[in-house]
Amino acid sequence: MTFKERILADLDTVFLNLDEFAEEHRIEGKTIPCVMNNDEMNALKRGQILGLVEADVVIFAKVDDLPKDLDPGRPLNVDGRELIVVKAYRHMGLAEVALRQNRTG
């Protein structure tokens, strides 16, 4: 097994394992295992990291479980709430998506 294959296997067996870190959330009508991290978002805001100051939550999930289009400004339905994509990164099969509440008015 190559290093990349081991990383991908660890996504399911460790990081996105429902008995360890992950929880099921409904994203765009599909229930998937992911890690939703408000604590990391608060730490990032304190550091004033450009682009993430506007975000309220970060979601980590397998790239294949999420919609292909995660461009900034795209609405994303998470557990019945419409959130807006601020930034999205994909690396070695894992997606990190920073989202904000839809602030109107």
PDB file of N, CA and C in Angstrom:
ATOM      1  N   MET A   1       0.855  -1.183   0.000  1.00  0.00           N
ATOM      2  CA  MET A   1       0.000   0.000   0.000  1.00  0.00           C
ATOM      3  C   MET A   1       0.898   1.244   0.000  1.00  0.00           C
ATOM      4  N   THR A   2       0.594   2.186  -0.866  1.00  0.00           N
ATOM      5  CA  THR A   2       1.385   3.412  -0.928  1.00  0.00           C
ATOM      6  C   THR A   2       0.990   4.346   0.213  1.00  0.00           C
ATOM      7  N   PHE A   3       1.808   5.371   0.419  1.00  0.00           N
ATOM      8  CA  PHE A   3       1.522   6.343   1.472  1.00  0.00           C
ATOM      9  C   PHE A   3       0.171   7.013   1.237  1.00  0.00           C
ATOM     10  N   LYS A   4      -0.094   7.420   0.001  1.00  0.00           N
ATOM     11  CA  LYS A   4      -1.367   8.078  -0.309  1.00  0.00           C
ATOM     12  C   LYS A   4      -2.546   7.144  -0.060  1.00  0.00           C
ATOM     13  N   GLU A   5      -2.390   5.878  -0.388  1.00  0.00           N
ATOM     14  CA  GLU A   5      -3.458   4.912  -0.137  1.00  0.00           C
ATOM     15  C   GLU A   5      -3.694   4.748   1.368  1.00  0.00           C
ATOM     16  N   ARG A   6      -2.635   4.783   2.144  1.00  0.00           N
ATOM     17  CA  ARG A   6      -2.775   4.682   3.607  1.00  0.00           C
ATOM     18  C   ARG A   6      -3.499   5.907   4.177  1.00  0.00           C
ATOM     19  N   ILE A   7      -3.158   7.079   3.650  1.00  0.00           N
ATOM     20  CA  ILE A   7      -3.840   8.309   4.092  1.00  0.00           C
ATOM     21  C   ILE A   7      -5.329   8.209   3.796  1.00  0.00           C
ATOM     22  N   LEU A   8      -5.676   7.791   2.583  1.00  0.00           N
ATOM     23  CA  LEU A   8      -7.091   7.666   2.219  1.00  0.00           C
ATOM     24  C   LEU A   8      -7.801   6.652   3.102  1.00  0.00           C
ATOM     25  N   ALA A   9      -7.139   5.558   3.419  1.00  0.00           N
ATOM     26  CA  ALA A   9      -7.732   4.549   4.306  1.00  0.00           C
ATOM     27  C   ALA A   9      -7.936   5.115   5.704  1.00  0.00           C
ATOM     28  N   ASP A  10      -6.995   5.929   6.168  1.00  0.00           N
ATOM     29  CA  ASP A  10      -7.116   6.537   7.493  1.00  0.00           C
ATOM     30  C   ASP A  10      -8.274   7.524   7.575  1.00  0.00           C
ATOM     31  N   LEU A  11      -8.655   8.109   6.465  1.00  0.00           N
ATOM     32  CA  LEU A  11      -9.810   9.013   6.487  1.00  0.00           C
ATOM     33  C   LEU A  11     -11.029   8.290   7.024  1.00  0.00           C
ATOM     34  N   ASP A  12     -11.259   7.072   6.536  1.00  0.00           N
ATOM     35  CA  ASP A  12     -12.428   6.301   6.966  1.00  0.00           C
ATOM     36  C   ASP A  12     -12.233   5.626   8.317  1.00  0.00           C
ATOM     37  N   THR A  13     -11.042   5.091   8.557  1.00  0.00           N
ATOM     38  CA  THR A  13     -10.850   4.289   9.769  1.00  0.00           C
ATOM     39  C   THR A  13     -10.510   5.103  11.008  1.00  0.00           C
ATOM     40  N   VAL A  14     -10.054   6.343  10.827  1.00  0.00           N
ATOM     41  CA  VAL A  14      -9.681   7.155  11.984  1.00  0.00           C
ATOM     42  C   VAL A  14     -10.432   8.478  11.990  1.00  0.00           C
ATOM     43  N   PHE A  15     -10.034   9.392  11.135  1.00  0.00           N
ATOM     44  CA  PHE A  15     -10.545  10.760  11.206  1.00  0.00           C
ATOM     45  C   PHE A  15     -12.047  10.852  10.938  1.00  0.00           C
ATOM     46  N   LEU A  16     -12.554  10.141   9.951  1.00  0.00           N
ATOM     47  CA  LEU A  16     -13.986  10.198   9.641  1.00  0.00           C
ATOM     48  C   LEU A  16     -14.738   8.982  10.171  1.00  0.00           C
ATOM     49  N   ASN A  17     -14.164   8.310  11.135  1.00  0.00           N
ATOM     50  CA  ASN A  17     -14.798   7.176  11.788  1.00  0.00           C
ATOM     51  C   ASN A  17     -15.862   7.709  12.748  1.00  0.00           C
ATOM     52  N   LEU A  18     -17.081   7.211  12.616  1.00  0.00           N
ATOM     53  CA  LEU A  18     -18.199   7.686  13.438  1.00  0.00           C
ATOM     54  C   LEU A  18     -18.016   7.353  14.920  1.00  0.00           C
ATOM     55  N   ASP A  19     -17.178   6.365  15.228  1.00  0.00           N
ATOM     56  CA  ASP A  19     -16.921   6.016  16.628  1.00  0.00           C
ATOM     57  C   ASP A  19     -15.780   6.831  17.225  1.00  0.00           C
ATOM     58  N   GLU A  20     -15.076   7.586  16.405  1.00  0.00           N
ATOM     59  CA  GLU A  20     -13.929   8.361  16.880  1.00  0.00           C
ATOM     60  C   GLU A  20     -14.224   9.859  16.830  1.00  0.00           C
ATOM     61  N   PHE A  21     -14.014  10.491  15.671  1.00  0.00           N
ATOM     62  CA  PHE A  21     -14.132  11.943  15.548  1.00  0.00           C
ATOM     63  C   PHE A  21     -15.391  12.411  14.835  1.00  0.00           C
ATOM     64  N   ALA A  22     -15.797  11.680  13.825  1.00  0.00           N
ATOM     65  CA  ALA A  22     -16.850  12.161  12.911  1.00  0.00           C
ATOM     66  C   ALA A  22     -18.254  11.983  13.470  1.00  0.00           C
ATOM     67  N   GLU A  23     -19.143  12.758  12.905  1.00  0.00           N
ATOM     68  CA  GLU A  23     -20.583  12.649  13.156  1.00  0.00           C
ATOM     69  C   GLU A  23     -21.265  12.709  11.802  1.00  0.00           C
ATOM     70  N   GLU A  24     -22.460  12.157  11.741  1.00  0.00           N
ATOM     71  CA  GLU A  24     -23.213  12.247  10.495  1.00  0.00           C
ATOM     72  C   GLU A  24     -23.912  13.596  10.408  1.00  0.00           C
ATOM     73  N   HIS A  25     -23.778  14.220   9.254  1.00  0.00           N
ATOM     74  CA  HIS A  25     -24.471  15.466   8.963  1.00  0.00           C
ATOM     75  C   HIS A  25     -25.058  15.348   7.570  1.00  0.00           C
ATOM     76  N   ARG A  26     -26.148  16.053   7.367  1.00  0.00           N
ATOM     77  CA  ARG A  26     -26.825  16.020   6.073  1.00  0.00           C
ATOM     78  C   ARG A  26     -26.363  17.240   5.276  1.00  0.00           C
ATOM     79  N   ILE A  27     -25.653  16.982   4.188  1.00  0.00           N
ATOM     80  CA  ILE A  27     -25.134  18.055   3.342  1.00  0.00           C
ATOM     81  C   ILE A  27     -25.717  17.889   1.938  1.00  0.00           C
ATOM     82  N   GLU A  28     -26.449  18.904   1.528  1.00  0.00           N
ATOM     83  CA  GLU A  28     -27.122  18.883   0.224  1.00  0.00           C
ATOM     84  C   GLU A  28     -27.966  17.619   0.058  1.00  0.00           C
ATOM     85  N   GLY A  29     -28.652  17.233   1.133  1.00  0.00           N
ATOM     86  CA  GLY A  29     -29.569  16.104   1.090  1.00  0.00           C
ATOM     87  C   GLY A  29     -28.926  14.741   1.240  1.00  0.00           C
ATOM     88  N   LYS A  30     -27.610  14.687   1.408  1.00  0.00           N
ATOM     89  CA  LYS A  30     -26.887  13.421   1.532  1.00  0.00           C
ATOM     90  C   LYS A  30     -26.279  13.333   2.928  1.00  0.00           C
ATOM     91  N   THR A  31     -26.553  12.247   3.646  1.00  0.00           N
ATOM     92  CA  THR A  31     -25.991  12.049   4.975  1.00  0.00           C
ATOM     93  C   THR A  31     -24.586  11.475   4.840  1.00  0.00           C
ATOM     94  N   ILE A  32     -23.609  12.195   5.391  1.00  0.00           N
ATOM     95  CA  ILE A  32     -22.211  11.784   5.265  1.00  0.00           C
ATOM     96  C   ILE A  32     -21.497  11.930   6.609  1.00  0.00           C
ATOM     97  N   PRO A  33     -20.427  11.156   6.820  1.00  0.00           N
ATOM     98  CA  PRO A  33     -19.605  11.366   8.012  1.00  0.00           C
ATOM     99  C   PRO A  33     -18.698  12.577   7.789  1.00  0.00           C
ATOM    100  N   CYS A  34     -18.651  13.452   8.761  1.00  0.00           N
ATOM    101  CA  CYS A  34     -17.763  14.614   8.661  1.00  0.00           C
ATOM    102  C   CYS A  34     -17.460  15.123  10.066  1.00  0.00           C
ATOM    103  N   VAL A  35     -16.473  15.992  10.132  1.00  0.00           N
ATOM    104  CA  VAL A  35     -16.114  16.645  11.378  1.00  0.00           C
ATOM    105  C   VAL A  35     -16.466  18.107  11.216  1.00  0.00           C
ATOM    106  N   MET A  36     -17.343  18.595  12.075  1.00  0.00           N
ATOM    107  CA  MET A  36     -17.753  19.991  12.059  1.00  0.00           C
ATOM    108  C   MET A  36     -17.092  20.654  13.247  1.00  0.00           C
ATOM    109  N   ASN A  37     -16.293  21.673  12.981  1.00  0.00           N
ATOM    110  CA  ASN A  37     -15.444  22.206  14.035  1.00  0.00           C
ATOM    111  C   ASN A  37     -15.655  23.695  14.250  1.00  0.00           C
ATOM    112  N   ASN A  38     -16.430  24.038  15.264  1.00  0.00           N
ATOM    113  CA  ASN A  38     -16.618  25.438  15.642  1.00  0.00           C
ATOM    114  C   ASN A  38     -15.431  25.946  16.462  1.00  0.00           C
ATOM    115  N   ASP A  39     -14.798  25.072  17.256  1.00  0.00           N
ATOM    116  CA  ASP A  39     -13.668  25.476  18.092  1.00  0.00           C
ATOM    117  C   ASP A  39     -12.499  25.953  17.245  1.00  0.00           C
ATOM    118  N   GLU A  40     -12.204  25.205  16.173  1.00  0.00           N
ATOM    119  CA  GLU A  40     -11.107  25.616  15.303  1.00  0.00           C
ATOM    120  C   GLU A  40     -11.447  26.947  14.637  1.00  0.00           C
ATOM    121  N   MET A  41     -12.704  27.132  14.285  1.00  0.00           N
ATOM    122  CA  MET A  41     -13.106  28.382  13.646  1.00  0.00           C
ATOM    123  C   MET A  41     -12.879  29.551  14.585  1.00  0.00           C
ATOM    124  N   ASN A  42     -13.222  29.388  15.852  1.00  0.00           N
ATOM    125  CA  ASN A  42     -13.010  30.467  16.820  1.00  0.00           C
ATOM    126  C   ASN A  42     -11.523  30.784  16.979  1.00  0.00           C
ATOM    127  N   ALA A  43     -10.669  29.763  16.983  1.00  0.00           N
ATOM    128  CA  ALA A  43      -9.223  29.990  17.087  1.00  0.00           C
ATOM    129  C   ALA A  43      -8.702  30.713  15.847  1.00  0.00           C
ATOM    130  N   LEU A  44      -9.201  30.324  14.678  1.00  0.00           N
ATOM    131  CA  LEU A  44      -8.773  30.982  13.443  1.00  0.00           C
ATOM    132  C   LEU A  44      -9.199  32.443  13.428  1.00  0.00           C
ATOM    133  N   LYS A  45     -10.387  32.728  13.936  1.00  0.00           N
ATOM    134  CA  LYS A  45     -10.863  34.113  13.970  1.00  0.00           C
ATOM    135  C   LYS A  45      -9.975  34.974  14.867  1.00  0.00           C
ATOM    136  N   ARG A  46      -9.555  34.408  15.995  1.00  0.00           N
ATOM    137  CA  ARG A  46      -8.677  35.162  16.895  1.00  0.00           C
ATOM    138  C   ARG A  46      -7.366  35.500  16.200  1.00  0.00           C
ATOM    139  N   GLY A  47      -6.905  34.586  15.326  1.00  0.00           N
ATOM    140  CA  GLY A  47      -5.673  34.830  14.581  1.00  0.00           C
ATOM    141  C   GLY A  47      -5.887  35.705  13.363  1.00  0.00           C
ATOM    142  N   GLN A  48      -7.138  36.049  13.081  1.00  0.00           N
ATOM    143  CA  GLN A  48      -7.478  36.916  11.958  1.00  0.00           C
ATOM    144  C   GLN A  48      -6.914  36.391  10.641  1.00  0.00           C
ATOM    145  N   ILE A  49      -7.070  35.093  10.374  1.00  0.00           N
ATOM    146  CA  ILE A  49      -6.597  34.518   9.126  1.00  0.00           C
ATOM    147  C   ILE A  49      -7.481  35.013   7.994  1.00  0.00           C
ATOM    148  N   LEU A  50      -6.856  35.611   6.998  1.00  0.00           N
ATOM    149  CA  LEU A  50      -7.561  36.227   5.881  1.00  0.00           C
ATOM    150  C   LEU A  50      -8.543  35.257   5.244  1.00  0.00           C
ATOM    151  N   GLY A  51      -9.761  35.694   5.041  1.00  0.00           N
ATOM    152  CA  GLY A  51     -10.775  34.889   4.390  1.00  0.00           C
ATOM    153  C   GLY A  51     -11.586  34.033   5.333  1.00  0.00           C
ATOM    154  N   LEU A  52     -11.038  33.711   6.497  1.00  0.00           N
ATOM    155  CA  LEU A  52     -11.771  32.858   7.424  1.00  0.00           C
ATOM    156  C   LEU A  52     -12.411  33.655   8.547  1.00  0.00           C
ATOM    157  N   VAL A  53     -12.098  34.921   8.639  1.00  0.00           N
ATOM    158  CA  VAL A  53     -12.686  35.758   9.674  1.00  0.00           C
ATOM    159  C   VAL A  53     -14.202  35.795   9.512  1.00  0.00           C
ATOM    160  N   GLU A  54     -14.671  35.714   8.273  1.00  0.00           N
ATOM    161  CA  GLU A  54     -16.109  35.766   7.988  1.00  0.00           C
ATOM    162  C   GLU A  54     -16.812  34.442   8.255  1.00  0.00           C
ATOM    163  N   ALA A  55     -16.080  33.347   8.431  1.00  0.00           N
ATOM    164  CA  ALA A  55     -16.679  32.028   8.547  1.00  0.00           C
ATOM    165  C   ALA A  55     -17.149  31.742   9.973  1.00  0.00           C
ATOM    166  N   ASP A  56     -18.155  30.870  10.069  1.00  0.00           N
ATOM    167  CA  ASP A  56     -18.711  30.482  11.364  1.00  0.00           C
ATOM    168  C   ASP A  56     -18.396  29.035  11.738  1.00  0.00           C
ATOM    169  N   VAL A  57     -18.101  28.215  10.748  1.00  0.00           N
ATOM    170  CA  VAL A  57     -17.853  26.798  10.990  1.00  0.00           C
ATOM    171  C   VAL A  57     -16.948  26.253   9.895  1.00  0.00           C
ATOM    172  N   VAL A  58     -16.165  25.226  10.252  1.00  0.00           N
ATOM    173  CA  VAL A  58     -15.342  24.511   9.280  1.00  0.00           C
ATOM    174  C   VAL A  58     -15.806  23.062   9.271  1.00  0.00           C
ATOM    175  N   ILE A  59     -15.999  22.528   8.082  1.00  0.00           N
ATOM    176  CA  ILE A  59     -16.391  21.130   7.919  1.00  0.00           C
ATOM    177  C   ILE A  59     -15.261  20.389   7.219  1.00  0.00           C
ATOM    178  N   PHE A  60     -14.917  19.216   7.751  1.00  0.00           N
ATOM    179  CA  PHE A  60     -13.952  18.328   7.118  1.00  0.00           C
ATOM    180  C   PHE A  60     -14.710  17.083   6.671  1.00  0.00           C
ATOM    181  N   ALA A  61     -14.571  16.719   5.398  1.00  0.00           N
ATOM    182  CA  ALA A  61     -15.258  15.543   4.862  1.00  0.00           C
ATOM    183  C   ALA A  61     -14.483  15.018   3.660  1.00  0.00           C
ATOM    184  N   LYS A  62     -14.804  13.805   3.247  1.00  0.00           N
ATOM    185  CA  LYS A  62     -14.171  13.261   2.056  1.00  0.00           C
ATOM    186  C   LYS A  62     -14.595  14.083   0.845  1.00  0.00           C
ATOM    187  N   VAL A  63     -13.648  14.358  -0.013  1.00  0.00           N
ATOM    188  CA  VAL A  63     -13.915  15.124  -1.236  1.00  0.00           C
ATOM    189  C   VAL A  63     -15.056  14.487  -2.021  1.00  0.00           C
ATOM    190  N   ASP A  64     -15.047  13.167  -2.139  1.00  0.00           N
ATOM    191  CA  ASP A  64     -16.058  12.461  -2.934  1.00  0.00           C
ATOM    192  C   ASP A  64     -17.460  12.542  -2.348  1.00  0.00           C
ATOM    193  N   ASP A  65     -17.585  12.868  -1.060  1.00  0.00           N
ATOM    194  CA  ASP A  65     -18.900  12.959  -0.418  1.00  0.00           C
ATOM    195  C   ASP A  65     -19.553  14.330  -0.590  1.00  0.00           C
ATOM    196  N   LEU A  66     -18.776  15.309  -1.005  1.00  0.00           N
ATOM    197  CA  LEU A  66     -19.280  16.681  -1.116  1.00  0.00           C
ATOM    198  C   LEU A  66     -19.540  17.052  -2.574  1.00  0.00           C
ATOM    199  N   PRO A  67     -20.354  18.084  -2.801  1.00  0.00           N
ATOM    200  CA  PRO A  67     -20.555  18.548  -4.175  1.00  0.00           C
ATOM    201  C   PRO A  67     -19.222  18.984  -4.793  1.00  0.00           C
ATOM    202  N   LYS A  68     -19.104  18.831  -6.087  1.00  0.00           N
ATOM    203  CA  LYS A  68     -17.868  19.222  -6.781  1.00  0.00           C
ATOM    204  C   LYS A  68     -17.665  20.733  -6.732  1.00  0.00           C
ATOM    205  N   ASP A  69     -18.757  21.492  -6.846  1.00  0.00           N
ATOM    206  CA  ASP A  69     -18.690  22.952  -6.877  1.00  0.00           C
ATOM    207  C   ASP A  69     -18.756  23.500  -5.460  1.00  0.00           C
ATOM    208  N   LEU A  70     -17.624  23.896  -4.933  1.00  0.00           N
ATOM    209  CA  LEU A  70     -17.570  24.515  -3.608  1.00  0.00           C
ATOM    210  C   LEU A  70     -16.923  25.901  -3.701  1.00  0.00           C
ATOM    211  N   ASP A  71     -17.236  26.605  -4.771  1.00  0.00           N
ATOM    212  CA  ASP A  71     -16.681  27.936  -4.976  1.00  0.00           C
ATOM    213  C   ASP A  71     -17.206  28.905  -3.925  1.00  0.00           C
ATOM    214  N   PRO A  72     -16.392  29.880  -3.524  1.00  0.00           N
ATOM    215  CA  PRO A  72     -16.847  30.890  -2.564  1.00  0.00           C
ATOM    216  C   PRO A  72     -18.133  31.567  -3.025  1.00  0.00           C
ATOM    217  N   GLY A  73     -19.048  31.751  -2.068  1.00  0.00           N
ATOM    218  CA  GLY A  73     -20.336  32.363  -2.357  1.00  0.00           C
ATOM    219  C   GLY A  73     -21.443  31.370  -2.651  1.00  0.00           C
ATOM    220  N   ARG A  74     -21.085  30.109  -2.872  1.00  0.00           N
ATOM    221  CA  ARG A  74     -22.082  29.086  -3.173  1.00  0.00           C
ATOM    222  C   ARG A  74     -22.861  28.745  -1.913  1.00  0.00           C
ATOM    223  N   PRO A  75     -24.197  28.682  -2.003  1.00  0.00           N
ATOM    224  CA  PRO A  75     -24.966  28.219  -0.850  1.00  0.00           C
ATOM    225  C   PRO A  75     -24.789  26.708  -0.672  1.00  0.00           C
ATOM    226  N   LEU A  76     -24.743  26.265   0.567  1.00  0.00           N
ATOM    227  CA  LEU A  76     -24.596  24.854   0.875  1.00  0.00           C
ATOM    228  C   LEU A  76     -25.558  24.522   2.013  1.00  0.00           C
ATOM    229  N   ASN A  77     -26.449  23.581   1.781  1.00  0.00           N
ATOM    230  CA  ASN A  77     -27.423  23.189   2.787  1.00  0.00           C
ATOM    231  C   ASN A  77     -26.779  22.174   3.726  1.00  0.00           C
ATOM    232  N   VAL A  78     -26.637  22.559   5.006  1.00  0.00           N
ATOM    233  CA  VAL A  78     -26.026  21.705   6.023  1.00  0.00           C
ATOM    234  C   VAL A  78     -27.044  21.512   7.136  1.00  0.00           C
ATOM    235  N   ASP A  79     -27.510  20.284   7.295  1.00  0.00           N
ATOM    236  CA  ASP A  79     -28.491  19.954   8.329  1.00  0.00           C
ATOM    237  C   ASP A  79     -29.708  20.875   8.265  1.00  0.00           C
ATOM    238  N   GLY A  80     -30.149  21.189   7.053  1.00  0.00           N
ATOM    239  CA  GLY A  80     -31.351  22.001   6.870  1.00  0.00           C
ATOM    240  C   GLY A  80     -31.123  23.500   6.942  1.00  0.00           C
ATOM    241  N   ARG A  81     -29.881  23.921   7.154  1.00  0.00           N
ATOM    242  CA  ARG A  81     -29.553  25.354   7.210  1.00  0.00           C
ATOM    243  C   ARG A  81     -28.780  25.745   5.958  1.00  0.00           C
ATOM    244  N   GLU A  82     -29.153  26.858   5.372  1.00  0.00           N
ATOM    245  CA  GLU A  82     -28.428  27.362   4.210  1.00  0.00           C
ATOM    246  C   GLU A  82     -27.227  28.172   4.683  1.00  0.00           C
ATOM    247  N   LEU A  83     -26.038  27.664   4.411  1.00  0.00           N
ATOM    248  CA  LEU A  83     -24.800  28.347   4.735  1.00  0.00           C
ATOM    249  C   LEU A  83     -24.113  28.753   3.436  1.00  0.00           C
ATOM    250  N   ILE A  84     -23.147  29.657   3.519  1.00  0.00           N
ATOM    251  CA  ILE A  84     -22.439  30.147   2.349  1.00  0.00           C
ATOM    252  C   ILE A  84     -20.975  29.719   2.435  1.00  0.00           C
ATOM    253  N   VAL A  85     -20.454  29.167   1.335  1.00  0.00           N
ATOM    254  CA  VAL A  85     -19.045  28.764   1.288  1.00  0.00           C
ATOM    255  C   VAL A  85     -18.166  30.013   1.282  1.00  0.00           C
ATOM    256  N   VAL A  86     -17.222  30.071   2.215  1.00  0.00           N
ATOM    257  CA  VAL A  86     -16.234  31.149   2.257  1.00  0.00           C
ATOM    258  C   VAL A  86     -14.971  30.701   1.532  1.00  0.00           C
ATOM    259  N   LYS A  87     -14.474  29.538   1.890  1.00  0.00           N
ATOM    260  CA  LYS A  87     -13.279  28.948   1.272  1.00  0.00           C
ATOM    261  C   LYS A  87     -13.434  27.442   1.288  1.00  0.00           C
ATOM    262  N   ALA A  88     -12.805  26.782   0.327  1.00  0.00           N
ATOM    263  CA  ALA A  88     -12.784  25.324   0.301  1.00  0.00           C
ATOM    264  C   ALA A  88     -11.412  24.863  -0.177  1.00  0.00           C
ATOM    265  N   TYR A  89     -10.852  23.912   0.537  1.00  0.00           N
ATOM    266  CA  TYR A  89      -9.553  23.338   0.196  1.00  0.00           C
ATOM    267  C   TYR A  89      -9.738  21.834   0.052  1.00  0.00           C
ATOM    268  N   ARG A  90      -9.019  21.249  -0.876  1.00  0.00           N
ATOM    269  CA  ARG A  90      -9.039  19.801  -1.071  1.00  0.00           C
ATOM    270  C   ARG A  90      -7.594  19.315  -1.066  1.00  0.00           C
ATOM    271  N   HIS A  91      -7.330  18.287  -0.260  1.00  0.00           N
ATOM    272  CA  HIS A  91      -5.974  17.753  -0.210  1.00  0.00           C
ATOM    273  C   HIS A  91      -6.014  16.279   0.173  1.00  0.00           C
ATOM    274  N   MET A  92      -5.456  15.460  -0.667  1.00  0.00           N
ATOM    275  CA  MET A  92      -5.339  14.015  -0.431  1.00  0.00           C
ATOM    276  C   MET A  92      -6.661  13.381  -0.025  1.00  0.00           C
ATOM    277  N   GLY A  93      -7.739  13.750  -0.709  1.00  0.00           N
ATOM    278  CA  GLY A  93      -9.031  13.127  -0.476  1.00  0.00           C
ATOM    279  C   GLY A  93      -9.881  13.776   0.597  1.00  0.00           C
ATOM    280  N   LEU A  94      -9.313  14.726   1.336  1.00  0.00           N
ATOM    281  CA  LEU A  94     -10.054  15.398   2.405  1.00  0.00           C
ATOM    282  C   LEU A  94     -10.370  16.836   1.983  1.00  0.00           C
ATOM    283  N   ALA A  95     -11.600  17.244   2.209  1.00  0.00           N
ATOM    284  CA  ALA A  95     -12.004  18.624   1.923  1.00  0.00           C
ATOM    285  C   ALA A  95     -12.178  19.360   3.239  1.00  0.00           C
ATOM    286  N   GLU A  96     -11.738  20.607   3.251  1.00  0.00           N
ATOM    287  CA  GLU A  96     -11.931  21.503   4.385  1.00  0.00           C
ATOM    288  C   GLU A  96     -12.736  22.682   3.850  1.00  0.00           C
ATOM    289  N   VAL A  97     -13.951  22.854   4.376  1.00  0.00           N
ATOM    290  CA  VAL A  97     -14.860  23.877   3.856  1.00  0.00           C
ATOM    291  C   VAL A  97     -15.219  24.843   4.979  1.00  0.00           C
ATOM    292  N   ALA A  98     -14.871  26.106   4.796  1.00  0.00           N
ATOM    293  CA  ALA A  98     -15.227  27.153   5.756  1.00  0.00           C
ATOM    294  C   ALA A  98     -16.548  27.767   5.295  1.00  0.00           C
ATOM    295  N   LEU A  99     -17.498  27.846   6.229  1.00  0.00           N
ATOM    296  CA  LEU A  99     -18.850  28.326   5.906  1.00  0.00           C
ATOM    297  C   LEU A  99     -19.269  29.454   6.846  1.00  0.00           C
ATOM    298  N   ARG A 100     -20.171  30.279   6.351  1.00  0.00           N
ATOM    299  CA  ARG A 100     -20.731  31.327   7.198  1.00  0.00           C
ATOM    300  C   ARG A 100     -22.246  31.293   7.097  1.00  0.00           C
ATOM    301  N   GLN A 101     -22.874  31.840   8.109  1.00  0.00           N
ATOM    302  CA  GLN A 101     -24.322  31.990   8.093  1.00  0.00           C
ATOM    303  C   GLN A 101     -24.711  32.946   6.967  1.00  0.00           C
ATOM    304  N   ASN A 102     -25.859  32.740   6.404  1.00  0.00           N
ATOM    305  CA  ASN A 102     -26.361  33.635   5.372  1.00  0.00           C
ATOM    306  C   ASN A 102     -26.863  34.890   6.067  1.00  0.00           C
ATOM    307  N   ARG A 103     -26.080  35.949   5.994  1.00  0.00           N
ATOM    308  CA  ARG A 103     -26.427  37.206   6.668  1.00  0.00           C
ATOM    309  C   ARG A 103     -27.098  38.134   5.674  1.00  0.00           C
ATOM    310  N   THR A 104     -28.390  38.299   5.827  1.00  0.00           N
ATOM    311  CA  THR A 104     -29.121  39.200   4.941  1.00  0.00           C
ATOM    312  C   THR A 104     -29.529  40.441   5.714  1.00  0.00           C
ATOM    313  N   GLY A 105     -29.752  41.474   4.979  1.00  0.00           N
ATOM    314  CA  GLY A 105     -30.266  42.667   5.621  1.00  0.00           C
ATOM    315  C   GLY A 105     -29.220  43.637   5.810  1.00  0.00           C
TER     316      GLY A 105
END
